[in-house]
């Protein structure tokens, strides 16, 4: 689709922003290119300095440019895109049956982030907490019941920015028979959560992904390296066993400007018509 200006009699700052936006969309301005100075914009559009600043602020809010104190605005580059597909659940379950060497060779770095584990700084922390109402309800346990909370983060070793962040909750009674599952030093666990569950006789038979979105806090913007105006996608993964019991909930945030959520739905065939 050919870039189009906003269909209104726009104020001057919006007209300036539209012109620059369409130049970026047409790739007349490419990532790393500097935008015209405020003075140049004022001269070209015969406008005030505040109107020129308003246009730049609007482009920044749209995630098209980056700015810094004492630096000219530049066209923002495209972040590395991460594909998170629903078929990863079956892939992890299949992997759980493999030998440890195979399980250890594949993890989120390779499957979701499409980058080597050596390019990341991985961290995990475990603690046993009492389930509050927000956790007890989806886990179908009583408020105050003990659960294992696991927090995982991965950061880019070059930039220090977050690549992934998630928090998992598991009822303690389900996994306490295997003390190794309570020890964070065993992370990253070869084969992930599916294999961990297999050591205590739990087979995950269904996974439900609930996806919403929210705006990030200023701290989260810094941690992820997000420009203004870019939301975070919030995904809650609910894992159920063969009896339909919830065995884990896992909450993760994903930046909307670099995440593709891919949902794959197998469909049952229609009955064969008799001849």
Protein backbone atom coordinates (compact mmCIF):
# COMPACT_ATOMS: atom_id res chain seq x y z
CA UNK A 1 0.00 0.00 0.00
CA UNK A 2 1.30 3.43 -0.97
CA UNK A 3 1.94 5.62 2.12
CA UNK A 4 -0.93 8.06 2.63
CA UNK A 5 -1.13 11.31 4.61
CA UNK A 6 -3.63 11.56 7.45
CA UNK A 7 -6.97 12.54 5.86
CA UNK A 8 -7.65 15.76 7.76
CA UNK A 9 -6.73 19.41 7.49
CA UNK A 10 -3.78 18.71 9.70
CA UNK A 11 -2.02 21.14 12.00
CA UNK A 12 1.47 22.02 10.86
CA UNK A 13 3.31 19.67 13.23
CA UNK A 14 1.23 16.73 11.95
CA UNK A 15 1.89 17.66 8.31
CA UNK A 16 5.63 17.78 9.00
CA UNK A 17 5.49 14.43 10.79
CA UNK A 18 3.43 12.89 7.96
CA UNK A 19 5.92 14.06 5.33
CA UNK A 20 8.86 12.62 7.25
CA UNK A 21 6.98 9.40 8.06
CA UNK A 22 6.21 8.79 4.39
CA UNK A 23 9.86 9.42 3.49
CA UNK A 24 10.80 6.74 6.02
CA UNK A 25 8.14 4.32 4.72
CA UNK A 26 9.31 4.88 1.13
CA UNK A 27 12.88 4.31 2.36
CA UNK A 28 13.94 7.70 1.12
CA UNK A 29 15.20 7.98 4.69
CA UNK A 30 16.74 4.70 5.88
CA UNK A 31 17.83 3.42 9.33
CA UNK A 32 20.65 5.55 10.67
CA UNK A 33 19.88 8.57 8.48
CA UNK A 34 19.62 11.90 10.28
CA UNK A 35 16.44 13.93 10.04
CA UNK A 36 16.54 17.61 9.05
CA UNK A 37 17.44 19.91 11.92
CA UNK A 38 14.72 21.83 13.74
CA UNK A 39 15.97 25.01 12.10
CA UNK A 40 15.76 23.41 8.65
CA UNK A 41 12.20 22.23 9.33
CA UNK A 42 11.18 25.69 10.51
CA UNK A 43 12.55 27.21 7.32
CA UNK A 44 11.04 24.60 4.98
CA UNK A 45 7.56 24.68 6.53
CA UNK A 46 7.58 28.31 7.69
CA UNK A 47 6.64 27.19 11.18
CA UNK A 48 7.63 27.84 14.78
CA UNK A 49 10.27 25.89 16.66
CA UNK A 50 7.55 24.36 18.87
CA UNK A 51 5.75 22.98 15.79
CA UNK A 52 8.97 21.40 14.54
CA UNK A 53 9.61 19.87 17.97
CA UNK A 54 6.04 18.57 18.03
CA UNK A 55 6.61 16.77 14.74
CA UNK A 56 9.78 15.14 16.04
CA UNK A 57 8.02 14.10 19.26
CA UNK A 58 5.23 12.50 17.24
CA UNK A 59 7.67 10.49 15.12
CA UNK A 60 9.43 9.35 18.29
CA UNK A 61 6.10 8.26 19.82
CA UNK A 62 5.41 6.26 16.63
CA UNK A 63 8.69 4.39 17.12
CA UNK A 64 10.14 5.64 13.83
CA UNK A 65 13.11 7.61 15.14
CA UNK A 66 15.46 7.75 18.09
CA UNK A 67 16.70 10.87 19.80
CA UNK A 68 19.21 11.71 22.48
CA UNK A 69 20.39 14.74 24.38
CA UNK A 70 22.64 16.73 22.09
CA UNK A 71 22.11 14.29 19.21
CA UNK A 72 20.20 14.78 15.97
CA UNK A 73 17.14 12.52 15.52
CA UNK A 74 17.89 9.49 13.34
CA UNK A 75 15.70 6.89 11.65
CA UNK A 76 15.33 3.88 13.93
CA UNK A 77 16.61 0.51 12.76
CA UNK A 78 14.41 -2.58 12.66
CA UNK A 79 14.91 -4.75 15.76
CA UNK A 80 15.68 -8.44 15.39
CA UNK A 81 12.31 -10.16 14.94
CA UNK A 82 11.49 -13.05 17.25
CA UNK A 83 8.89 -15.62 16.17
CA UNK A 84 7.02 -17.34 18.98
CA UNK A 85 4.96 -20.13 17.48
CA UNK A 86 2.34 -22.29 19.16
CA UNK A 87 3.97 -25.43 17.76
CA UNK A 88 6.91 -24.92 20.13
CA UNK A 89 4.87 -26.64 22.87
CA UNK A 90 4.77 -29.93 20.96
CA UNK A 91 8.41 -29.52 19.99
CA UNK A 92 9.39 -29.18 23.66
CA UNK A 93 7.27 -32.20 24.60
CA UNK A 94 8.90 -34.31 21.87
CA UNK A 95 12.34 -33.15 23.00
CA UNK A 96 11.65 -34.26 26.58
CA UNK A 97 11.85 -37.91 25.44
CA UNK A 98 15.28 -37.48 23.86
CA UNK A 99 18.71 -38.18 25.36
CA UNK A 100 20.26 -35.53 27.59
CA UNK A 101 22.77 -34.55 24.90
CA UNK A 102 19.92 -33.68 22.51
CA UNK A 103 17.92 -31.91 25.22
CA UNK A 104 20.91 -29.83 26.28
CA UNK A 105 21.61 -28.70 22.72
CA UNK A 106 18.27 -26.96 22.19
CA UNK A 107 16.67 -24.22 24.26
CA UNK A 108 14.85 -20.89 23.99
CA UNK A 109 17.97 -19.24 22.56
CA UNK A 110 17.89 -21.47 19.50
CA UNK A 111 14.14 -22.04 19.11
CA UNK A 112 12.61 -18.66 19.95
CA UNK A 113 15.40 -16.11 19.84
CA UNK A 114 17.24 -17.58 16.84
CA UNK A 115 20.60 -16.78 18.39
CA UNK A 116 23.37 -18.68 20.12
CA UNK A 117 23.31 -19.07 23.89
CA UNK A 118 26.80 -17.52 23.87
CA UNK A 119 25.22 -14.23 22.75
CA UNK A 120 23.04 -14.15 25.86
CA UNK A 121 23.36 -13.71 29.60
CA UNK A 122 20.87 -16.15 31.14
CA UNK A 123 19.74 -15.96 34.76
CA UNK A 124 17.19 -17.81 36.87
CA UNK A 125 15.98 -17.55 40.44
CA UNK A 126 13.75 -19.89 42.44
CA UNK A 127 11.83 -19.22 45.62
CA UNK A 128 8.93 -20.83 47.45
CA UNK A 129 6.09 -18.38 48.09
CA UNK A 130 2.51 -18.43 49.25
CA UNK A 131 0.02 -18.10 46.42
CA UNK A 132 -1.90 -14.84 46.44
CA UNK A 133 -5.38 -14.59 44.90
CA UNK A 134 -3.96 -13.66 41.48
CA UNK A 135 -1.93 -16.89 41.37
CA UNK A 136 -4.15 -19.21 43.39
CA UNK A 137 -7.19 -18.70 41.15
CA UNK A 138 -5.63 -19.73 37.80
CA UNK A 139 -3.68 -22.57 39.47
CA UNK A 140 -6.87 -23.80 41.17
CA UNK A 141 -5.18 -23.93 44.58
CA UNK A 142 -6.06 -22.33 47.89
CA UNK A 143 -4.84 -18.83 48.72
CA UNK A 144 -1.73 -19.24 50.87
CA UNK A 145 -0.75 -22.62 49.41
CA UNK A 146 2.96 -22.96 48.70
CA UNK A 147 4.08 -22.66 45.09
CA UNK A 148 7.46 -22.65 43.42
CA UNK A 149 8.09 -19.32 41.71
CA UNK A 150 10.71 -19.38 38.97
CA UNK A 151 11.98 -16.23 37.30
CA UNK A 152 13.95 -16.32 34.06
CA UNK A 153 15.67 -13.56 32.11
CA UNK A 154 17.97 -13.45 29.11
CA UNK A 155 19.94 -10.35 28.16
CA UNK A 156 21.96 -9.43 25.11
CA UNK A 157 25.60 -9.62 26.19
CA UNK A 158 26.48 -6.71 23.89
CA UNK A 159 23.79 -4.23 24.91
CA UNK A 160 22.65 -5.48 28.31
CA UNK A 161 19.04 -5.20 27.17
CA UNK A 162 16.39 -7.82 27.85
CA UNK A 163 15.77 -10.52 25.27
CA UNK A 164 13.21 -12.46 27.29
CA UNK A 165 11.59 -12.33 30.71
CA UNK A 166 9.15 -14.76 32.31
CA UNK A 167 7.83 -15.89 35.68
CA UNK A 168 6.48 -19.39 36.33
CA UNK A 169 4.38 -20.71 39.23
CA UNK A 170 3.97 -24.43 40.04
CA UNK A 171 2.12 -25.95 43.03
CA UNK A 172 4.85 -27.23 45.34
CA UNK A 173 3.01 -30.48 46.08
CA UNK A 174 3.33 -31.53 42.43
CA UNK A 175 7.13 -31.46 42.30
CA UNK A 176 8.43 -31.74 45.87
CA UNK A 177 9.17 -35.46 45.40
CA UNK A 178 12.16 -34.49 43.23
CA UNK A 179 14.41 -32.04 45.14
CA UNK A 180 16.39 -31.33 41.96
CA UNK A 181 13.38 -29.43 40.61
CA UNK A 182 13.64 -26.96 43.50
CA UNK A 183 17.31 -26.11 42.88
CA UNK A 184 17.90 -23.13 40.58
CA UNK A 185 21.53 -24.19 40.05
CA UNK A 186 20.21 -26.94 37.76
CA UNK A 187 19.13 -24.30 35.23
CA UNK A 188 19.08 -24.24 32.30
CA UNK A 189 17.47 -27.66 32.60
CA UNK A 190 18.01 -29.87 29.52
CA UNK A 191 14.59 -30.36 27.96
CA UNK A 192 12.93 -27.57 29.91
CA UNK A 193 9.75 -27.74 31.95
CA UNK A 194 8.25 -30.65 30.01
CA UNK A 195 11.17 -32.88 30.98
CA UNK A 196 11.15 -31.59 34.56
CA UNK A 197 7.52 -32.63 34.88
CA UNK A 198 8.30 -36.05 33.41
CA UNK A 199 10.61 -36.77 36.35
CA UNK A 200 7.62 -36.64 38.72
CA UNK A 201 5.18 -38.49 36.47
CA UNK A 202 3.38 -35.47 35.01
CA UNK A 203 2.61 -35.31 31.29
CA UNK A 204 1.38 -32.01 29.91
CA UNK A 205 -1.52 -32.69 27.54
CA UNK A 206 -2.84 -29.20 26.84
CA UNK A 207 -1.41 -25.69 26.73
CA UNK A 208 -3.55 -22.55 26.71
CA UNK A 209 -1.97 -19.23 25.71
CA UNK A 210 -3.81 -16.09 26.85
CA UNK A 211 -2.51 -12.97 25.10
CA UNK A 212 -3.14 -9.34 26.04
CA UNK A 213 -1.15 -6.11 25.78
CA UNK A 214 -0.21 -3.20 28.00
CA UNK A 215 2.00 -0.14 27.95
CA UNK A 216 5.40 -0.52 29.63
CA UNK A 217 6.66 1.41 32.62
CA UNK A 218 9.65 3.72 32.18
CA UNK A 219 11.84 1.07 33.83
CA UNK A 220 10.64 -1.57 31.37
CA UNK A 221 11.29 0.79 28.46
CA UNK A 222 14.90 1.07 29.61
CA UNK A 223 15.28 -2.67 30.22
CA UNK A 224 13.96 -3.64 26.78
CA UNK A 225 15.30 -0.63 24.88
CA UNK A 226 11.79 0.37 23.81
CA UNK A 227 10.94 3.63 22.08
CA UNK A 228 7.95 5.62 23.23
CA UNK A 229 4.57 4.31 22.15
CA UNK A 230 5.54 0.63 21.83
CA UNK A 231 3.44 -1.72 24.00
CA UNK A 232 4.42 -4.98 25.66
CA UNK A 233 2.58 -8.15 24.73
CA UNK A 234 1.65 -10.15 27.84
CA UNK A 235 1.26 -13.90 27.38
CA UNK A 236 0.07 -16.28 30.09
CA UNK A 237 0.76 -19.93 29.31
CA UNK A 238 -1.41 -22.39 31.24
CA UNK A 239 -0.28 -26.03 31.22
CA UNK A 240 -2.71 -28.84 32.04
CA UNK A 241 -2.16 -32.55 32.63
CA UNK A 242 -4.19 -35.46 31.25
CA UNK A 243 -6.78 -35.01 33.99
CA UNK A 244 -7.32 -31.36 33.08
CA UNK A 245 -5.51 -30.11 36.18
CA UNK A 246 -3.46 -26.91 35.92
CA UNK A 247 0.16 -27.80 36.68
CA UNK A 248 1.84 -24.49 35.81
CA UNK A 249 1.16 -20.92 34.81
CA UNK A 250 3.94 -18.98 33.12
CA UNK A 251 3.76 -15.24 32.45
CA UNK A 252 5.99 -13.58 29.87
CA UNK A 253 6.34 -10.13 28.32
CA UNK A 254 7.33 -9.56 24.70
CA UNK A 255 8.02 -6.19 23.00
CA UNK A 256 5.41 -5.63 20.28
CA UNK A 257 7.88 -4.05 17.84
CA UNK A 258 10.02 -7.18 17.53
CA UNK A 259 7.69 -10.10 18.27
CA UNK A 260 5.64 -12.23 15.89
CA UNK A 261 3.08 -14.48 17.57
CA UNK A 262 2.29 -17.38 15.26
CA UNK A 263 -0.74 -19.54 16.06
CA UNK A 264 -0.97 -22.89 14.29
CA UNK A 265 -4.33 -24.69 14.53
CA UNK A 266 -4.61 -28.25 13.17
CA UNK A 267 -8.12 -28.91 11.83
CA UNK A 268 -9.95 -32.24 11.84
CA UNK A 269 -10.83 -33.54 8.36
CA UNK A 270 -14.44 -33.72 7.23
CA UNK A 271 -15.96 -37.21 7.25
CA UNK A 272 -15.41 -39.09 4.03
CA UNK A 273 -18.53 -39.23 1.90
CA UNK A 274 -19.71 -42.72 1.20
CA UNK A 275 -19.91 -43.60 -2.46
